[in-house]
PDB file of all heavy atoms in Angstrom:
ATOM      1  N   MET A   1      27.713  18.307  21.172  1.00  0.00           N
ATOM      2  CA  MET A   1      26.920  17.265  20.432  1.00  0.00           C
ATOM      3  C   MET A   1      27.717  16.202  20.102  1.00  0.00           C
ATOM      4  O   MET A   1      28.922  16.241  20.102  1.00  0.00           O
ATOM      5  CB  MET A   1      26.389  17.940  19.054  1.00  0.00           C
ATOM      6  CG  MET A   1      27.629  18.444  18.153  1.00  0.00           C
ATOM      7  SD  MET A   1      26.913  19.156  16.671  1.00  0.00           S
ATOM      8  CE  MET A   1      28.453  19.735  15.928  1.00  0.00           C
ATOM      9  N   LYS A   2      27.050  14.918  19.777  1.00  0.00           N
ATOM     10  CA  LYS A   2      27.871  13.780  19.487  1.00  0.00           C
ATOM     11  C   LYS A   2      27.455  13.321  18.110  1.00  0.00           C
ATOM     12  O   LYS A   2      26.332  13.241  17.819  1.00  0.00           O
ATOM     13  CB  LYS A   2      27.526  12.717  20.591  1.00  0.00           C
ATOM     14  CG  LYS A   2      28.196  11.366  20.287  1.00  0.00           C
ATOM     15  CD  LYS A   2      27.871  10.259  21.171  1.00  0.00           C
ATOM     16  CE  LYS A   2      28.513  10.555  22.598  1.00  0.00           C
ATOM     17  NZ  LYS A   2      28.331   9.449  23.507  1.00  0.00           N
ATOM     18  N   LYS A   3      28.515  12.807  17.331  1.00  0.00           N
ATOM     19  CA  LYS A   3      28.230  12.468  15.995  1.00  0.00           C
ATOM     20  C   LYS A   3      29.450  11.626  15.475  1.00  0.00           C
ATOM     21  O   LYS A   3      30.559  11.926  15.932  1.00  0.00           O
ATOM     22  CB  LYS A   3      27.904  13.633  15.046  1.00  0.00           C
ATOM     23  CG  LYS A   3      29.060  14.599  14.854  1.00  0.00           C
ATOM     24  CD  LYS A   3      28.596  15.781  13.877  1.00  0.00           C
ATOM     25  CE  LYS A   3      29.691  16.698  13.627  1.00  0.00           C
ATOM     26  NZ  LYS A   3      29.417  17.726  12.595  1.00  0.00           N
ATOM     27  N   SER A   4      29.220  10.956  14.539  1.00  0.00           N
ATOM     28  CA  SER A   4      30.407  10.344  13.783  1.00  0.00           C
ATOM     29  C   SER A   4      30.963  11.457  12.759  1.00  0.00           C
ATOM     30  O   SER A   4      30.205  12.256  12.290  1.00  0.00           O
ATOM     31  CB  SER A   4      30.026   9.171  12.919  1.00  0.00           C
ATOM     32  OG  SER A   4      29.538   8.131  13.724  1.00  0.00           O
ATOM     33  N   PHE A   5      32.315  11.548  12.711  1.00  0.00           N
ATOM     34  CA  PHE A   5      32.754  12.631  11.841  1.00  0.00           C
ATOM     35  C   PHE A   5      34.024  12.066  11.120  1.00  0.00           C
ATOM     36  O   PHE A   5      34.905  11.295  11.682  1.00  0.00           O
ATOM     37  CB  PHE A   5      33.336  13.755  12.872  1.00  0.00           C
ATOM     38  CG  PHE A   5      33.612  15.058  12.125  1.00  0.00           C
ATOM     39  CD1 PHE A   5      32.616  15.904  11.919  1.00  0.00           C
ATOM     40  CD2 PHE A   5      34.890  15.299  11.676  1.00  0.00           C
ATOM     41  CE1 PHE A   5      32.927  17.243  11.374  1.00  0.00           C
ATOM     42  CE2 PHE A   5      35.123  16.460  11.088  1.00  0.00           C
ATOM     43  CZ  PHE A   5      34.208  17.396  10.837  1.00  0.00           C
ATOM     44  N   PRO A   6      34.221  12.423   9.834  1.00  0.00           N
ATOM     45  CA  PRO A   6      35.359  11.913   9.119  1.00  0.00           C
ATOM     46  C   PRO A   6      36.652  12.474   9.679  1.00  0.00           C
ATOM     47  O   PRO A   6      36.865  13.440  10.097  1.00  0.00           O
ATOM     48  CB  PRO A   6      35.206  12.467   7.764  1.00  0.00           C
ATOM     49  CG  PRO A   6      33.749  12.656   7.622  1.00  0.00           C
ATOM     50  CD  PRO A   6      33.308  13.194   9.028  1.00  0.00           C
ATOM     51  N   TYR A   7      37.595  11.456   9.677  1.00  0.00           N
ATOM     52  CA  TYR A   7      38.975  11.825  10.252  1.00  0.00           C
ATOM     53  C   TYR A   7      39.978  11.038   9.491  1.00  0.00           C
ATOM     54  O   TYR A   7      39.701  10.049   8.944  1.00  0.00           O
ATOM     55  CB  TYR A   7      38.999  11.717  11.801  1.00  0.00           C
ATOM     56  CG  TYR A   7      38.764  10.294  12.273  1.00  0.00           C
ATOM     57  CD1 TYR A   7      39.855   9.447  12.449  1.00  0.00           C
ATOM     58  CD2 TYR A   7      37.566   9.860  12.425  1.00  0.00           C
ATOM     59  CE1 TYR A   7      39.742   8.089  12.828  1.00  0.00           C
ATOM     60  CE2 TYR A   7      37.296   8.439  12.864  1.00  0.00           C
ATOM     61  CZ  TYR A   7      38.361   7.749  13.042  1.00  0.00           C
ATOM     62  OH  TYR A   7      38.278   6.360  13.363  1.00  0.00           O
ATOM     63  N   MET A   8      41.258  11.436   9.713  1.00  0.00           N
ATOM     64  CA  MET A   8      42.274  10.781   9.009  1.00  0.00           C
ATOM     65  C   MET A   8      43.095   9.911  10.057  1.00  0.00           C
ATOM     66  O   MET A   8      43.218  10.226  11.162  1.00  0.00           O
ATOM     67  CB  MET A   8      43.348  11.755   8.546  1.00  0.00           C
ATOM     68  CG  MET A   8      42.697  12.592   7.347  1.00  0.00           C
ATOM     69  SD  MET A   8      43.896  13.505   6.500  1.00  0.00           S
ATOM     70  CE  MET A   8      44.911  12.200   5.816  1.00  0.00           C
ATOM     71  N   LEU A   9      43.659   8.804   9.559  1.00  0.00           N
ATOM     72  CA  LEU A   9      44.468   7.917  10.397  1.00  0.00           C
ATOM     73  C   LEU A   9      45.891   8.590  10.277  1.00  0.00           C
ATOM     74  O   LEU A   9      46.472   8.447   9.297  1.00  0.00           O
ATOM     75  CB  LEU A   9      44.458   6.546   9.761  1.00  0.00           C
ATOM     76  CG  LEU A   9      45.308   5.511  10.501  1.00  0.00           C
ATOM     77  CD1 LEU A   9      44.834   5.436  11.875  1.00  0.00           C
ATOM     78  CD2 LEU A   9      45.267   4.325   9.690  1.00  0.00           C
ATOM     79  N   ALA A  10      46.322   9.190  11.346  1.00  0.00           N
ATOM     80  CA  ALA A  10      47.697   9.686  11.460  1.00  0.00           C
ATOM     81  C   ALA A  10      48.703   8.839  11.936  1.00  0.00           C
ATOM     82  O   ALA A  10      49.927   9.098  11.848  1.00  0.00           O
ATOM     83  CB  ALA A  10      47.544  11.004  12.199  1.00  0.00           C
ATOM     84  N   ALA A  11      48.273   7.849  12.627  1.00  0.00           N
ATOM     85  CA  ALA A  11      49.258   6.825  13.130  1.00  0.00           C
ATOM     86  C   ALA A  11      48.686   5.512  12.965  1.00  0.00           C
ATOM     87  O   ALA A  11      47.537   5.284  13.110  1.00  0.00           O
ATOM     88  CB  ALA A  11      49.546   7.052  14.670  1.00  0.00           C
ATOM     89  N   CYS A  12      49.514   4.489  12.632  1.00  0.00           N
ATOM     90  CA  CYS A  12      48.920   3.153  12.190  1.00  0.00           C
ATOM     91  C   CYS A  12      49.077   2.185  13.326  1.00  0.00           C
ATOM     92  O   CYS A  12      50.023   2.223  14.102  1.00  0.00           O
ATOM     93  CB  CYS A  12      49.746   2.720  10.998  1.00  0.00           C
ATOM     94  SG  CYS A  12      49.470   3.711   9.589  1.00  0.00           S
ATOM     95  N   SER A  13      48.094   1.332  13.360  1.00  0.00           N
ATOM     96  CA  SER A  13      48.104   0.262  14.350  1.00  0.00           C
ATOM     97  C   SER A  13      49.318  -0.588  14.261  1.00  0.00           C
ATOM     98  O   SER A  13      49.962  -0.810  13.218  1.00  0.00           O
ATOM     99  CB  SER A  13      46.896  -0.585  14.183  1.00  0.00           C
ATOM    100  OG  SER A  13      46.946  -1.782  14.778  1.00  0.00           O
ATOM    101  N   ALA A  14      49.696  -1.281  15.297  1.00  0.00           N
ATOM    102  CA  ALA A  14      50.860  -2.147  15.232  1.00  0.00           C
ATOM    103  C   ALA A  14      50.481  -3.495  14.622  1.00  0.00           C
ATOM    104  O   ALA A  14      51.112  -4.323  14.171  1.00  0.00           O
ATOM    105  CB  ALA A  14      51.218  -2.538  16.701  1.00  0.00           C
ATOM    106  N   LEU A  15      49.154  -3.582  14.338  1.00  0.00           N
ATOM    107  CA  LEU A  15      48.578  -4.889  13.807  1.00  0.00           C
ATOM    108  C   LEU A  15      48.326  -4.800  12.275  1.00  0.00           C
ATOM    109  O   LEU A  15      48.487  -5.732  11.670  1.00  0.00           O
ATOM    110  CB  LEU A  15      47.307  -5.359  14.468  1.00  0.00           C
ATOM    111  CG  LEU A  15      47.298  -5.474  15.974  1.00  0.00           C
ATOM    112  CD1 LEU A  15      46.028  -5.749  16.490  1.00  0.00           C
ATOM    113  CD2 LEU A  15      48.429  -6.502  16.299  1.00  0.00           C
ATOM    114  N   ALA A  16      48.032  -3.671  11.778  1.00  0.00           N
ATOM    115  CA  ALA A  16      47.829  -3.400  10.466  1.00  0.00           C
ATOM    116  C   ALA A  16      47.801  -2.018  10.066  1.00  0.00           C
ATOM    117  O   ALA A  16      47.408  -1.195  10.927  1.00  0.00           O
ATOM    118  CB  ALA A  16      46.560  -3.978  10.048  1.00  0.00           C
ATOM    119  N   LEU A  17      48.295  -1.633   8.832  1.00  0.00           N
ATOM    120  CA  LEU A  17      48.371  -0.253   8.443  1.00  0.00           C
ATOM    121  C   LEU A  17      47.214   0.009   7.522  1.00  0.00           C
ATOM    122  O   LEU A  17      47.063  -0.530   6.590  1.00  0.00           O
ATOM    123  CB  LEU A  17      49.629   0.070   7.703  1.00  0.00           C
ATOM    124  CG  LEU A  17      51.007  -0.159   8.573  1.00  0.00           C
ATOM    125  CD1 LEU A  17      51.950  -0.946   7.963  1.00  0.00           C
ATOM    126  CD2 LEU A  17      51.424   1.243   8.928  1.00  0.00           C
ATOM    127  N   VAL A  18      46.536   1.003   7.953  1.00  0.00           N
ATOM    128  CA  VAL A  18      45.171   1.198   7.145  1.00  0.00           C
ATOM    129  C   VAL A  18      45.162   2.733   6.630  1.00  0.00           C
ATOM    130  O   VAL A  18      45.270   3.686   7.406  1.00  0.00           O
ATOM    131  CB  VAL A  18      43.943   1.267   8.052  1.00  0.00           C
ATOM    132  CG1 VAL A  18      42.752   1.487   7.329  1.00  0.00           C
ATOM    133  CG2 VAL A  18      43.983  -0.197   8.763  1.00  0.00           C
ATOM    134  N   GLY A  19      45.165   2.818   5.228  1.00  0.00           N
ATOM    135  CA  GLY A  19      45.143   4.108   4.617  1.00  0.00           C
ATOM    136  C   GLY A  19      46.428   4.781   4.576  1.00  0.00           C
ATOM    137  O   GLY A  19      46.661   5.837   4.091  1.00  0.00           O
ATOM    138  N   CYS A  20      47.609   4.142   5.171  1.00  0.00           N
ATOM    139  CA  CYS A  20      48.899   4.832   5.231  1.00  0.00           C
ATOM    140  C   CYS A  20      49.497   4.741   3.904  1.00  0.00           C
ATOM    141  O   CYS A  20      49.704   3.611   3.257  1.00  0.00           O
ATOM    142  CB  CYS A  20      49.772   4.191   6.147  1.00  0.00           C
ATOM    143  SG  CYS A  20      49.136   4.316   7.829  1.00  0.00           S
ATOM    144  N   GLY A  21      49.892   5.758   3.172  1.00  0.00           N
ATOM    145  CA  GLY A  21      50.634   5.832   1.964  1.00  0.00           C
ATOM    146  C   GLY A  21      49.628   5.763   0.758  1.00  0.00           C
ATOM    147  O   GLY A  21      50.187   5.693  -0.308  1.00  0.00           O
ATOM    148  N   SER A  22      48.379   5.718   0.995  1.00  0.00           N
ATOM    149  CA  SER A  22      47.477   5.497  -0.054  1.00  0.00           C
ATOM    150  C   SER A  22      47.092   6.878  -0.622  1.00  0.00           C
ATOM    151  O   SER A  22      47.171   7.952   0.039  1.00  0.00           O
ATOM    152  CB  SER A  22      46.157   4.880   0.272  1.00  0.00           C
ATOM    153  OG  SER A  22      45.584   5.581   1.373  1.00  0.00           O
ATOM    154  N   ASP A  23      46.640   6.933  -2.024  1.00  0.00           N
ATOM    155  CA  ASP A  23      46.412   8.229  -2.480  1.00  0.00           C
ATOM    156  C   ASP A  23      44.863   8.617  -2.155  1.00  0.00           C
ATOM    157  O   ASP A  23      44.095   7.781  -1.835  1.00  0.00           O
ATOM    158  CB  ASP A  23      46.325   8.005  -4.183  1.00  0.00           C
ATOM    159  CG  ASP A  23      47.816   7.843  -4.584  1.00  0.00           C
ATOM    160  OD1 ASP A  23      48.759   8.295  -3.994  1.00  0.00           O
ATOM    161  OD2 ASP A  23      47.981   7.172  -5.686  1.00  0.00           O
ATOM    162  N   ASP A  24      44.582   9.861  -2.225  1.00  0.00           N
ATOM    163  CA  ASP A  24      43.316  10.326  -1.841  1.00  0.00           C
ATOM    164  C   ASP A  24      42.819  11.506  -2.761  1.00  0.00           C
ATOM    165  O   ASP A  24      43.539  12.547  -2.760  1.00  0.00           O
ATOM    166  CB  ASP A  24      43.329  10.720  -0.391  1.00  0.00           C
ATOM    167  CG  ASP A  24      41.942  10.956   0.268  1.00  0.00           C
ATOM    168  OD1 ASP A  24      40.990  11.365  -0.444  1.00  0.00           O
ATOM    169  OD2 ASP A  24      41.727  10.700   1.447  1.00  0.00           O
ATOM    170  N   ASP A  25      41.769  11.287  -3.352  1.00  0.00           N
ATOM    171  CA  ASP A  25      41.326  12.322  -4.356  1.00  0.00           C
ATOM    172  C   ASP A  25      41.029  13.703  -3.555  1.00  0.00           C
ATOM    173  O   ASP A  25      41.152  14.776  -4.233  1.00  0.00           O
ATOM    174  CB  ASP A  25      40.068  11.985  -5.094  1.00  0.00           C
ATOM    175  CG  ASP A  25      40.275  10.756  -6.018  1.00  0.00           C
ATOM    176  OD1 ASP A  25      41.548  10.632  -6.365  1.00  0.00           O
ATOM    177  OD2 ASP A  25      39.475  10.004  -6.449  1.00  0.00           O
ATOM    178  N   SER A  26      40.597  13.447  -2.315  1.00  0.00           N
ATOM    179  CA  SER A  26      40.321  14.741  -1.605  1.00  0.00           C
ATOM    180  C   SER A  26      41.515  15.698  -1.355  1.00  0.00           C
ATOM    181  O   SER A  26      41.449  16.755  -1.276  1.00  0.00           O
ATOM    182  CB  SER A  26      39.686  14.456  -0.218  1.00  0.00           C
ATOM    183  OG  SER A  26      40.669  13.581   0.629  1.00  0.00           O
ATOM    184  N   ASP A  27      42.753  15.018  -1.373  1.00  0.00           N
ATOM    185  CA  ASP A  27      43.988  15.893  -1.289  1.00  0.00           C
ATOM    186  C   ASP A  27      44.141  16.743  -2.584  1.00  0.00           C
ATOM    187  O   ASP A  27      44.462  17.920  -2.339  1.00  0.00           O
ATOM    188  CB  ASP A  27      45.200  14.879  -1.161  1.00  0.00           C
ATOM    189  CG  ASP A  27      45.248  14.197   0.152  1.00  0.00           C
ATOM    190  OD1 ASP A  27      44.424  14.396   0.927  1.00  0.00           O
ATOM    191  OD2 ASP A  27      46.257  13.465   0.294  1.00  0.00           O
ATOM    192  N   GLU A  28      43.779  16.234  -3.699  1.00  0.00           N
ATOM    193  CA  GLU A  28      43.955  16.984  -4.964  1.00  0.00           C
ATOM    194  C   GLU A  28      43.001  18.195  -4.866  1.00  0.00           C
ATOM    195  O   GLU A  28      43.317  19.218  -5.336  1.00  0.00           O
ATOM    196  CB  GLU A  28      43.696  16.060  -6.105  1.00  0.00           C
ATOM    197  CG  GLU A  28      44.729  15.037  -6.281  1.00  0.00           C
ATOM    198  CD  GLU A  28      44.259  14.067  -7.454  1.00  0.00           C
ATOM    199  OE1 GLU A  28      43.441  14.381  -8.239  1.00  0.00           O
ATOM    200  OE2 GLU A  28      45.104  13.033  -7.645  1.00  0.00           O
ATOM    201  N   GLU A  29      41.740  17.867  -4.256  1.00  0.00           N
ATOM    202  CA  GLU A  29      40.839  18.991  -4.277  1.00  0.00           C
ATOM    203  C   GLU A  29      41.156  20.055  -3.358  1.00  0.00           C
ATOM    204  O   GLU A  29      40.623  21.157  -3.417  1.00  0.00           O
ATOM    205  CB  GLU A  29      39.395  18.311  -3.816  1.00  0.00           C
ATOM    206  CG  GLU A  29      38.800  17.388  -4.929  1.00  0.00           C
ATOM    207  CD  GLU A  29      37.673  16.690  -4.232  1.00  0.00           C
ATOM    208  OE1 GLU A  29      37.203  16.884  -3.127  1.00  0.00           O
ATOM    209  OE2 GLU A  29      37.119  15.688  -4.871  1.00  0.00           O
TER     210      GLU A  29
END
């Protein structure tokens, strides 16, 4: 099956860092 699925950014682009080092409430859960 094909679908969009939540995933984490494990490596950051050379052009911009997205979500790296940011807090995430889901981690606490």
